[in-house]
């Protein structure tokens, strides 16, 4: 079993996730974020919405995965070009597990980043050794101010998610 990535229309992720889980009996993940917004009366309220527009992560066998876009026409398999050929985007279990731990944690605010704008140096790979993200592996980098440090988990060159600020003492180099 592998984690595959589906693309869909923005705003349809959660409904399609439920449909896929019901029809195919597979595990799906859509990262949800809580956003503080004004309601109609001008008060602040917390609303949940899809944090990663247009992406649904599906864990299944390749044969079952191929039937999903054929059955549900509003989703498409995420592909990438490698050596002149198109290949499915497959995310390994460890990376996906870390991604779910970081982006699925409602107490900690995750920041979603475009990997094309991230510049990792060789040797920056780290593991969190304390706190709610213990065991998560990623890249150590600085985002924002000089005192705000985050661990970034990158999934296969197409998306990255950053943890909330983590003290440097809770991070070890791998």
N, C-alpha and C. Protein backbone atom coordinates (compact mmCIF):
# COMPACT_ATOMS: atom_id res chain seq x y z
N UNK A 1 0.84 -1.18 0.00
CA UNK A 1 0.00 0.00 0.00
C UNK A 1 0.89 1.24 0.00
N UNK A 2 0.44 2.25 -0.72
CA UNK A 2 1.18 3.49 -0.83
C UNK A 2 0.24 4.67 -0.65
N UNK A 3 0.82 5.83 -0.39
CA UNK A 3 0.07 7.08 -0.35
C UNK A 3 0.18 7.72 -1.72
N UNK A 4 -0.96 7.99 -2.34
CA UNK A 4 -1.04 8.65 -3.63
C UNK A 4 -1.70 10.02 -3.43
N UNK A 5 -1.56 10.88 -4.42
CA UNK A 5 -2.11 12.23 -4.32
C UNK A 5 -3.12 12.44 -5.45
N UNK A 6 -4.30 12.94 -5.06
CA UNK A 6 -5.33 13.29 -6.03
C UNK A 6 -5.50 14.80 -6.04
N UNK A 7 -5.84 15.35 -7.19
CA UNK A 7 -6.18 16.78 -7.31
C UNK A 7 -7.65 16.89 -7.62
N UNK A 8 -8.26 17.94 -7.07
CA UNK A 8 -9.69 18.16 -7.31
C UNK A 8 -9.95 19.66 -7.35
N UNK A 9 -11.19 20.03 -7.56
CA UNK A 9 -11.57 21.44 -7.56
C UNK A 9 -11.46 22.00 -6.15
N UNK A 10 -11.03 23.26 -6.02
CA UNK A 10 -10.95 23.87 -4.68
C UNK A 10 -12.32 23.90 -4.01
N UNK A 11 -12.33 23.59 -2.72
CA UNK A 11 -13.56 23.60 -1.95
C UNK A 11 -14.31 22.28 -1.95
N UNK A 12 -13.86 21.33 -2.75
CA UNK A 12 -14.54 20.02 -2.85
C UNK A 12 -13.78 18.92 -2.11
N UNK A 13 -12.66 19.25 -1.49
CA UNK A 13 -11.76 18.24 -0.92
C UNK A 13 -12.44 17.36 0.14
N UNK A 14 -13.13 17.99 1.08
CA UNK A 14 -13.70 17.23 2.20
C UNK A 14 -14.85 16.34 1.73
N UNK A 15 -15.71 16.85 0.87
CA UNK A 15 -16.81 16.04 0.34
C UNK A 15 -16.27 14.87 -0.48
N UNK A 16 -15.26 15.12 -1.30
CA UNK A 16 -14.67 14.05 -2.10
C UNK A 16 -13.94 13.04 -1.23
N UNK A 17 -13.29 13.51 -0.17
CA UNK A 17 -12.62 12.60 0.76
C UNK A 17 -13.64 11.62 1.34
N UNK A 18 -14.77 12.12 1.80
CA UNK A 18 -15.80 11.25 2.37
C UNK A 18 -16.37 10.29 1.33
N UNK A 19 -16.57 10.79 0.12
CA UNK A 19 -17.07 9.95 -0.96
C UNK A 19 -16.09 8.82 -1.29
N UNK A 20 -14.81 9.14 -1.38
CA UNK A 20 -13.79 8.14 -1.70
C UNK A 20 -13.70 7.10 -0.59
N UNK A 21 -13.72 7.55 0.67
CA UNK A 21 -13.66 6.61 1.79
C UNK A 21 -14.85 5.68 1.79
N UNK A 22 -16.03 6.20 1.50
CA UNK A 22 -17.25 5.39 1.51
C UNK A 22 -17.28 4.42 0.33
N UNK A 23 -16.99 4.90 -0.86
CA UNK A 23 -17.11 4.07 -2.06
C UNK A 23 -16.00 3.04 -2.21
N UNK A 24 -14.78 3.40 -1.78
CA UNK A 24 -13.65 2.51 -2.03
C UNK A 24 -13.07 1.89 -0.76
N UNK A 25 -13.49 2.38 0.41
CA UNK A 25 -13.01 1.83 1.68
C UNK A 25 -11.53 2.03 1.89
N UNK A 26 -10.99 3.17 1.44
CA UNK A 26 -9.56 3.45 1.58
C UNK A 26 -9.35 4.58 2.58
N UNK A 27 -8.15 4.66 3.09
CA UNK A 27 -7.79 5.74 4.02
C UNK A 27 -7.47 6.99 3.22
N UNK A 28 -8.05 8.12 3.63
CA UNK A 28 -7.81 9.40 2.97
C UNK A 28 -7.40 10.43 4.02
N UNK A 29 -6.65 11.44 3.58
CA UNK A 29 -6.27 12.53 4.47
C UNK A 29 -6.36 13.85 3.72
N UNK A 30 -7.04 14.81 4.33
CA UNK A 30 -7.11 16.18 3.84
C UNK A 30 -6.73 17.06 5.02
N UNK A 31 -5.63 17.81 4.94
CA UNK A 31 -5.24 18.67 6.07
C UNK A 31 -6.24 19.81 6.27
N UNK A 32 -6.68 19.97 7.51
CA UNK A 32 -7.65 20.99 7.88
C UNK A 32 -6.95 22.00 8.77
N UNK A 33 -7.24 23.29 8.56
CA UNK A 33 -6.70 24.32 9.44
C UNK A 33 -7.83 25.12 10.05
N UNK A 34 -7.58 25.63 11.24
CA UNK A 34 -8.54 26.51 11.89
C UNK A 34 -8.11 27.94 11.62
N UNK A 35 -9.04 28.73 11.14
CA UNK A 35 -8.76 30.12 10.77
C UNK A 35 -9.69 31.02 11.57
N UNK A 36 -9.13 32.08 12.12
CA UNK A 36 -9.93 33.05 12.87
C UNK A 36 -10.45 34.09 11.88
N UNK A 37 -11.80 34.22 11.81
CA UNK A 37 -12.42 35.13 10.85
C UNK A 37 -13.54 35.91 11.53
N UNK A 38 -13.95 36.99 10.88
CA UNK A 38 -15.10 37.75 11.34
C UNK A 38 -16.37 37.07 10.85
N UNK A 39 -17.38 36.98 11.71
CA UNK A 39 -18.68 36.49 11.25
C UNK A 39 -19.51 37.66 10.74
N UNK A 40 -20.78 37.43 10.45
CA UNK A 40 -21.65 38.47 9.90
C UNK A 40 -21.91 39.61 10.88
N UNK A 41 -21.69 39.35 12.17
CA UNK A 41 -21.93 40.36 13.20
C UNK A 41 -20.65 41.06 13.63
N UNK A 42 -19.55 40.80 12.95
CA UNK A 42 -18.29 41.46 13.27
C UNK A 42 -17.50 40.80 14.39
N UNK A 43 -17.98 39.67 14.92
CA UNK A 43 -17.27 38.96 15.99
C UNK A 43 -16.28 37.98 15.37
N UNK A 44 -15.21 37.69 16.12
CA UNK A 44 -14.25 36.69 15.66
C UNK A 44 -14.79 35.30 15.97
N UNK A 45 -14.69 34.42 15.00
CA UNK A 45 -15.06 33.01 15.17
C UNK A 45 -13.97 32.16 14.54
N UNK A 46 -13.85 30.92 15.01
CA UNK A 46 -12.89 29.98 14.43
C UNK A 46 -13.63 29.13 13.41
N UNK A 47 -13.09 29.07 12.20
CA UNK A 47 -13.69 28.25 11.14
C UNK A 47 -12.65 27.25 10.65
N UNK A 48 -13.12 26.05 10.36
CA UNK A 48 -12.23 25.03 9.80
C UNK A 48 -12.40 25.04 8.28
N UNK A 49 -11.25 24.91 7.61
CA UNK A 49 -11.27 24.83 6.16
C UNK A 49 -10.08 23.99 5.72
N UNK A 50 -10.10 23.59 4.47
CA UNK A 50 -9.02 22.78 3.92
C UNK A 50 -7.76 23.64 3.85
N UNK A 51 -6.68 23.14 4.43
CA UNK A 51 -5.44 23.91 4.48
C UNK A 51 -4.66 23.84 3.18
N UNK A 52 -4.88 22.82 2.41
CA UNK A 52 -4.12 22.58 1.20
C UNK A 52 -5.11 22.44 0.05
N UNK A 53 -5.43 23.53 -0.58
CA UNK A 53 -6.48 23.55 -1.59
C UNK A 53 -6.18 22.57 -2.72
N UNK A 54 -7.17 21.77 -3.07
CA UNK A 54 -7.17 20.88 -4.23
C UNK A 54 -6.44 19.56 -4.05
N UNK A 55 -5.95 19.21 -2.86
CA UNK A 55 -5.21 17.96 -2.67
C UNK A 55 -5.93 17.02 -1.73
N UNK A 56 -5.98 15.74 -2.13
CA UNK A 56 -6.48 14.66 -1.28
C UNK A 56 -5.43 13.57 -1.31
N UNK A 57 -5.01 13.11 -0.13
CA UNK A 57 -4.01 12.05 -0.02
C UNK A 57 -4.75 10.74 0.23
N UNK A 58 -4.43 9.70 -0.55
CA UNK A 58 -5.15 8.43 -0.48
C UNK A 58 -4.15 7.30 -0.27
N UNK A 59 -4.43 6.43 0.70
CA UNK A 59 -3.55 5.28 0.96
C UNK A 59 -4.26 4.01 0.50
N UNK A 60 -3.72 3.40 -0.53
CA UNK A 60 -4.34 2.21 -1.11
C UNK A 60 -3.35 1.49 -2.02
N UNK A 61 -3.80 0.42 -2.62
CA UNK A 61 -3.02 -0.29 -3.63
C UNK A 61 -3.14 0.46 -4.96
N UNK A 62 -2.13 0.31 -5.81
CA UNK A 62 -2.10 1.03 -7.09
C UNK A 62 -3.31 0.70 -7.97
N UNK A 63 -3.73 -0.57 -7.98
CA UNK A 63 -4.86 -0.98 -8.82
C UNK A 63 -6.14 -0.28 -8.38
N UNK A 64 -6.36 -0.18 -7.07
CA UNK A 64 -7.55 0.51 -6.55
C UNK A 64 -7.45 2.00 -6.84
N UNK A 65 -6.26 2.55 -6.69
CA UNK A 65 -6.07 3.99 -6.93
C UNK A 65 -6.44 4.36 -8.37
N UNK A 66 -6.07 3.53 -9.33
CA UNK A 66 -6.37 3.83 -10.73
C UNK A 66 -7.88 3.89 -10.99
N UNK A 67 -8.68 3.14 -10.22
CA UNK A 67 -10.13 3.14 -10.43
C UNK A 67 -10.81 4.39 -9.88
N UNK A 68 -10.18 5.10 -8.95
CA UNK A 68 -10.81 6.27 -8.34
C UNK A 68 -11.05 7.38 -9.37
N UNK A 69 -10.04 7.85 -10.13
CA UNK A 69 -10.31 8.90 -11.12
C UNK A 69 -11.23 8.43 -12.26
N UNK A 70 -11.25 7.13 -12.52
CA UNK A 70 -12.16 6.62 -13.56
C UNK A 70 -13.61 6.65 -13.09
N UNK A 71 -13.82 6.43 -11.80
CA UNK A 71 -15.16 6.40 -11.23
C UNK A 71 -15.65 7.79 -10.85
N UNK A 72 -14.77 8.59 -10.24
CA UNK A 72 -15.12 9.95 -9.82
C UNK A 72 -14.42 10.91 -10.78
N UNK A 73 -15.14 11.47 -11.70
CA UNK A 73 -14.53 12.27 -12.77
C UNK A 73 -13.99 13.61 -12.31
N UNK A 74 -14.35 14.06 -11.11
CA UNK A 74 -13.88 15.38 -10.65
C UNK A 74 -12.53 15.32 -9.95
N UNK A 75 -11.90 14.14 -9.89
CA UNK A 75 -10.55 14.03 -9.31
C UNK A 75 -9.59 13.50 -10.37
N UNK A 76 -8.32 13.89 -10.22
CA UNK A 76 -7.29 13.47 -11.15
C UNK A 76 -6.06 13.04 -10.37
N UNK A 77 -5.39 12.02 -10.86
CA UNK A 77 -4.17 11.56 -10.22
C UNK A 77 -3.07 12.60 -10.42
N UNK A 78 -2.34 12.89 -9.37
CA UNK A 78 -1.22 13.83 -9.45
C UNK A 78 -0.04 13.10 -10.08
N UNK A 79 0.50 13.69 -11.14
CA UNK A 79 1.61 13.09 -11.88
C UNK A 79 2.77 14.08 -11.93
N UNK A 80 3.96 13.55 -12.19
CA UNK A 80 5.11 14.42 -12.42
C UNK A 80 5.99 13.79 -13.49
N UNK A 81 6.72 14.65 -14.17
CA UNK A 81 7.59 14.22 -15.26
C UNK A 81 8.95 13.84 -14.70
N UNK A 82 9.40 12.62 -15.02
CA UNK A 82 10.73 12.15 -14.64
C UNK A 82 11.35 11.46 -15.84
N UNK A 83 12.49 11.93 -16.25
CA UNK A 83 13.25 11.32 -17.35
C UNK A 83 12.39 11.13 -18.60
N UNK A 84 11.55 12.11 -18.89
CA UNK A 84 10.74 12.07 -20.10
C UNK A 84 9.45 11.29 -20.00
N UNK A 85 9.14 10.72 -18.82
CA UNK A 85 7.92 9.93 -18.64
C UNK A 85 7.12 10.47 -17.47
N UNK A 86 5.79 10.33 -17.56
CA UNK A 86 4.92 10.75 -16.47
C UNK A 86 4.78 9.62 -15.47
N UNK A 87 4.95 9.95 -14.18
CA UNK A 87 4.83 8.97 -13.09
C UNK A 87 3.87 9.49 -12.04
N UNK A 88 3.17 8.56 -11.38
CA UNK A 88 2.32 8.94 -10.25
C UNK A 88 3.16 9.51 -9.13
N UNK A 89 2.62 10.49 -8.41
CA UNK A 89 3.29 11.00 -7.22
C UNK A 89 2.94 10.03 -6.09
N UNK A 90 3.96 9.39 -5.54
CA UNK A 90 3.79 8.46 -4.42
C UNK A 90 4.59 9.00 -3.25
N UNK A 91 3.94 9.08 -2.08
CA UNK A 91 4.59 9.59 -0.87
C UNK A 91 4.86 8.41 0.04
N UNK A 92 6.12 8.30 0.53
CA UNK A 92 6.44 7.16 1.40
C UNK A 92 5.74 7.28 2.75
N UNK A 93 5.57 6.15 3.43
CA UNK A 93 4.79 6.10 4.67
C UNK A 93 5.37 6.98 5.77
N UNK A 94 6.68 7.02 5.93
CA UNK A 94 7.30 7.82 7.00
C UNK A 94 7.06 9.30 6.76
N UNK A 95 7.27 9.76 5.53
CA UNK A 95 7.05 11.18 5.21
C UNK A 95 5.58 11.54 5.40
N UNK A 96 4.68 10.67 4.98
CA UNK A 96 3.26 10.96 5.12
C UNK A 96 2.84 10.93 6.59
N UNK A 97 3.40 10.01 7.35
CA UNK A 97 3.11 9.95 8.79
C UNK A 97 3.53 11.24 9.48
N UNK A 98 4.72 11.73 9.16
CA UNK A 98 5.20 13.00 9.73
C UNK A 98 4.33 14.16 9.27
N UNK A 99 3.94 14.15 8.00
CA UNK A 99 3.10 15.20 7.44
C UNK A 99 1.75 15.24 8.16
N UNK A 100 1.16 14.07 8.40
CA UNK A 100 -0.12 14.00 9.10
C UNK A 100 0.02 14.47 10.55
N UNK A 101 1.12 14.09 11.21
CA UNK A 101 1.33 14.53 12.59
C UNK A 101 1.44 16.04 12.69
N UNK A 102 2.12 16.66 11.74
CA UNK A 102 2.32 18.11 11.78
C UNK A 102 1.05 18.83 11.33
N UNK A 103 0.50 18.46 10.19
CA UNK A 103 -0.64 19.19 9.66
C UNK A 103 -1.97 18.79 10.31
N UNK A 104 -2.02 17.63 10.95
CA UNK A 104 -3.25 17.19 11.60
C UNK A 104 -3.34 17.61 13.05
N UNK A 105 -2.33 18.30 13.59
CA UNK A 105 -2.31 18.72 14.98
C UNK A 105 -3.03 20.05 15.11
N UNK A 106 -4.21 20.03 15.73
CA UNK A 106 -5.03 21.24 15.82
C UNK A 106 -4.52 22.22 16.88
N UNK A 107 -3.74 21.73 17.86
CA UNK A 107 -3.22 22.62 18.91
C UNK A 107 -2.08 23.49 18.40
N UNK A 108 -1.29 22.95 17.48
CA UNK A 108 -0.14 23.68 16.94
C UNK A 108 -0.51 24.21 15.56
N UNK A 109 -0.17 25.43 15.28
CA UNK A 109 -0.48 26.04 13.99
C UNK A 109 0.60 25.68 12.98
N UNK A 110 0.20 25.02 11.90
CA UNK A 110 1.14 24.66 10.84
C UNK A 110 1.13 25.75 9.78
N UNK A 111 2.27 25.90 9.10
CA UNK A 111 2.39 26.88 8.02
C UNK A 111 2.73 26.11 6.75
N UNK A 112 1.92 26.27 5.70
CA UNK A 112 2.14 25.56 4.45
C UNK A 112 2.99 26.41 3.53
N UNK A 113 3.98 25.76 2.91
CA UNK A 113 4.99 26.48 2.13
C UNK A 113 5.12 25.90 0.74
N UNK A 114 5.62 26.68 -0.18
CA UNK A 114 5.92 26.22 -1.52
C UNK A 114 7.38 25.76 -1.54
N UNK A 115 7.64 24.45 -1.78
CA UNK A 115 9.02 23.96 -1.75
C UNK A 115 9.95 24.64 -2.74
N UNK A 116 9.42 25.19 -3.81
CA UNK A 116 10.26 25.88 -4.79
C UNK A 116 10.92 27.10 -4.18
N UNK A 117 10.31 27.66 -3.13
CA UNK A 117 10.86 28.85 -2.49
C UNK A 117 11.75 28.51 -1.30
N UNK A 118 11.88 27.22 -0.99
CA UNK A 118 12.71 26.80 0.14
C UNK A 118 14.09 26.43 -0.37
N UNK A 119 15.11 26.88 0.33
CA UNK A 119 16.47 26.55 -0.07
C UNK A 119 17.15 25.85 1.10
N UNK A 120 17.20 24.53 1.04
CA UNK A 120 17.81 23.75 2.09
C UNK A 120 19.29 23.59 1.82
N UNK A 121 20.06 23.69 2.88
CA UNK A 121 21.49 23.44 2.75
C UNK A 121 21.75 21.98 3.08
N UNK A 122 22.82 21.46 2.53
CA UNK A 122 23.19 20.08 2.80
C UNK A 122 23.50 19.95 4.29
N UNK A 123 22.94 18.89 4.91
CA UNK A 123 23.19 18.67 6.33
C UNK A 123 22.17 19.31 7.26
N UNK A 124 21.10 19.88 6.72
CA UNK A 124 20.09 20.52 7.54
C UNK A 124 18.98 19.55 7.98
N UNK A 125 19.09 18.29 7.65
CA UNK A 125 18.05 17.31 8.01
C UNK A 125 18.08 17.11 9.53
N UNK A 126 16.88 17.18 10.16
CA UNK A 126 16.80 17.10 11.62
C UNK A 126 15.63 16.23 12.06
N UNK A 127 15.64 15.88 13.35
CA UNK A 127 14.56 15.13 13.99
C UNK A 127 14.18 15.87 15.26
N UNK A 128 12.88 16.01 15.51
CA UNK A 128 12.41 16.65 16.73
C UNK A 128 12.50 15.63 17.86
N UNK A 129 13.12 16.00 18.99
CA UNK A 129 13.34 15.06 20.08
C UNK A 129 12.52 15.38 21.33
N UNK A 130 11.66 16.39 21.25
CA UNK A 130 10.82 16.72 22.40
C UNK A 130 9.59 17.49 21.97
N UNK A 131 8.58 17.51 22.84
CA UNK A 131 7.36 18.25 22.54
C UNK A 131 6.37 17.41 21.78
N UNK A 132 5.33 18.04 21.26
CA UNK A 132 4.25 17.31 20.60
C UNK A 132 4.65 16.73 19.24
N UNK A 133 5.78 17.15 18.68
CA UNK A 133 6.22 16.64 17.38
C UNK A 133 7.41 15.67 17.50
N UNK A 134 7.60 15.05 18.65
CA UNK A 134 8.70 14.13 18.87
C UNK A 134 8.73 13.06 17.79
N UNK A 135 9.89 12.86 17.18
CA UNK A 135 10.07 11.85 16.14
C UNK A 135 9.87 12.34 14.73
N UNK A 136 9.32 13.52 14.55
CA UNK A 136 9.10 14.06 13.21
C UNK A 136 10.45 14.44 12.61
N UNK A 137 10.67 14.02 11.36
CA UNK A 137 11.92 14.35 10.67
C UNK A 137 11.62 15.34 9.57
N UNK A 138 12.56 16.23 9.34
CA UNK A 138 12.39 17.23 8.29
C UNK A 138 13.64 18.04 8.15
N UNK A 139 13.48 19.29 7.72
CA UNK A 139 14.61 20.18 7.52
C UNK A 139 14.49 21.33 8.50
N UNK A 140 15.60 21.69 9.11
CA UNK A 140 15.60 22.79 10.06
C UNK A 140 15.88 24.07 9.31
N UNK A 141 15.03 25.06 9.54
CA UNK A 141 15.23 26.33 8.87
C UNK A 141 14.61 27.44 9.69
N UNK A 142 14.88 28.65 9.28
CA UNK A 142 14.38 29.84 9.96
C UNK A 142 13.36 30.51 9.07
N UNK A 143 12.21 30.79 9.63
CA UNK A 143 11.16 31.46 8.88
C UNK A 143 10.74 32.67 9.68
N UNK A 144 10.58 33.79 9.04
CA UNK A 144 10.16 35.00 9.75
C UNK A 144 11.32 35.61 10.50
N UNK A 145 11.10 35.93 11.77
CA UNK A 145 12.12 36.57 12.59
C UNK A 145 13.27 35.65 12.92
N UNK A 146 14.34 36.23 13.45
CA UNK A 146 15.54 35.43 13.71
C UNK A 146 15.37 34.46 14.88
N UNK A 147 14.34 34.65 15.73
CA UNK A 147 14.15 33.77 16.87
C UNK A 147 13.08 32.71 16.62
N UNK A 148 12.40 32.77 15.49
CA UNK A 148 11.35 31.81 15.20
C UNK A 148 11.93 30.70 14.32
N UNK A 149 12.10 29.53 14.87
CA UNK A 149 12.67 28.41 14.14
C UNK A 149 11.59 27.34 13.96
N UNK A 150 11.59 26.70 12.80
CA UNK A 150 10.58 25.70 12.49
C UNK A 150 11.24 24.49 11.84
N UNK A 151 10.55 23.35 11.93
CA UNK A 151 10.96 22.15 11.21
C UNK A 151 10.01 22.03 10.04
N UNK A 152 10.56 21.83 8.84
CA UNK A 152 9.76 21.75 7.63
C UNK A 152 9.74 20.32 7.13
N UNK A 153 8.55 19.80 6.87
CA UNK A 153 8.39 18.46 6.32
C UNK A 153 8.00 18.63 4.86
N UNK A 154 8.82 18.08 3.95
CA UNK A 154 8.57 18.24 2.52
C UNK A 154 8.12 16.91 1.94
N UNK A 155 7.05 16.94 1.16
CA UNK A 155 6.53 15.75 0.51
C UNK A 155 6.84 15.79 -0.98
N UNK A 156 7.82 15.04 -1.37
CA UNK A 156 8.06 14.74 -2.78
C UNK A 156 8.08 15.96 -3.69
N UNK A 157 8.71 17.04 -3.30
CA UNK A 157 8.94 18.22 -4.13
C UNK A 157 7.68 18.98 -4.53
N UNK A 158 6.49 18.64 -3.96
CA UNK A 158 5.33 19.41 -4.39
C UNK A 158 4.65 20.15 -3.26
N UNK A 159 4.90 19.81 -2.01
CA UNK A 159 4.32 20.58 -0.91
C UNK A 159 5.20 20.41 0.32
N UNK A 160 5.19 21.42 1.14
CA UNK A 160 5.93 21.37 2.40
C UNK A 160 5.04 21.96 3.48
N UNK A 161 5.19 21.46 4.70
CA UNK A 161 4.44 21.99 5.83
C UNK A 161 5.43 22.28 6.94
N UNK A 162 5.21 23.37 7.63
CA UNK A 162 6.12 23.79 8.69
C UNK A 162 5.41 23.69 10.03
N UNK A 163 6.13 23.24 11.04
CA UNK A 163 5.57 23.17 12.38
C UNK A 163 5.48 24.56 12.98
N UNK A 164 4.85 24.64 14.13
CA UNK A 164 4.89 25.86 14.91
C UNK A 164 6.34 26.03 15.39
N UNK A 165 6.66 27.18 15.93
CA UNK A 165 8.04 27.44 16.38
C UNK A 165 8.47 26.37 17.39
N UNK A 166 9.67 25.86 17.22
CA UNK A 166 10.23 24.83 18.09
C UNK A 166 11.56 25.33 18.64
N UNK A 167 11.78 25.21 19.95
CA UNK A 167 13.07 25.61 20.50
C UNK A 167 14.20 24.75 19.92
N UNK A 168 15.32 25.35 19.65
CA UNK A 168 16.46 24.64 19.06
C UNK A 168 16.92 23.47 19.93
N UNK A 169 16.69 23.54 21.24
CA UNK A 169 17.11 22.45 22.14
C UNK A 169 16.32 21.17 21.89
N UNK A 170 15.15 21.27 21.26
CA UNK A 170 14.33 20.09 21.00
C UNK A 170 14.58 19.47 19.63
N UNK A 171 15.61 19.92 18.95
CA UNK A 171 15.90 19.43 17.59
C UNK A 171 17.32 18.89 17.56
N UNK A 172 17.48 17.69 16.96
CA UNK A 172 18.81 17.11 16.79
C UNK A 172 19.08 16.89 15.31
N UNK A 173 20.33 17.00 14.94
CA UNK A 173 20.74 16.79 13.55
C UNK A 173 20.81 15.30 13.27
N UNK A 174 20.34 14.89 12.12
CA UNK A 174 20.39 13.47 11.74
C UNK A 174 21.65 13.21 10.95
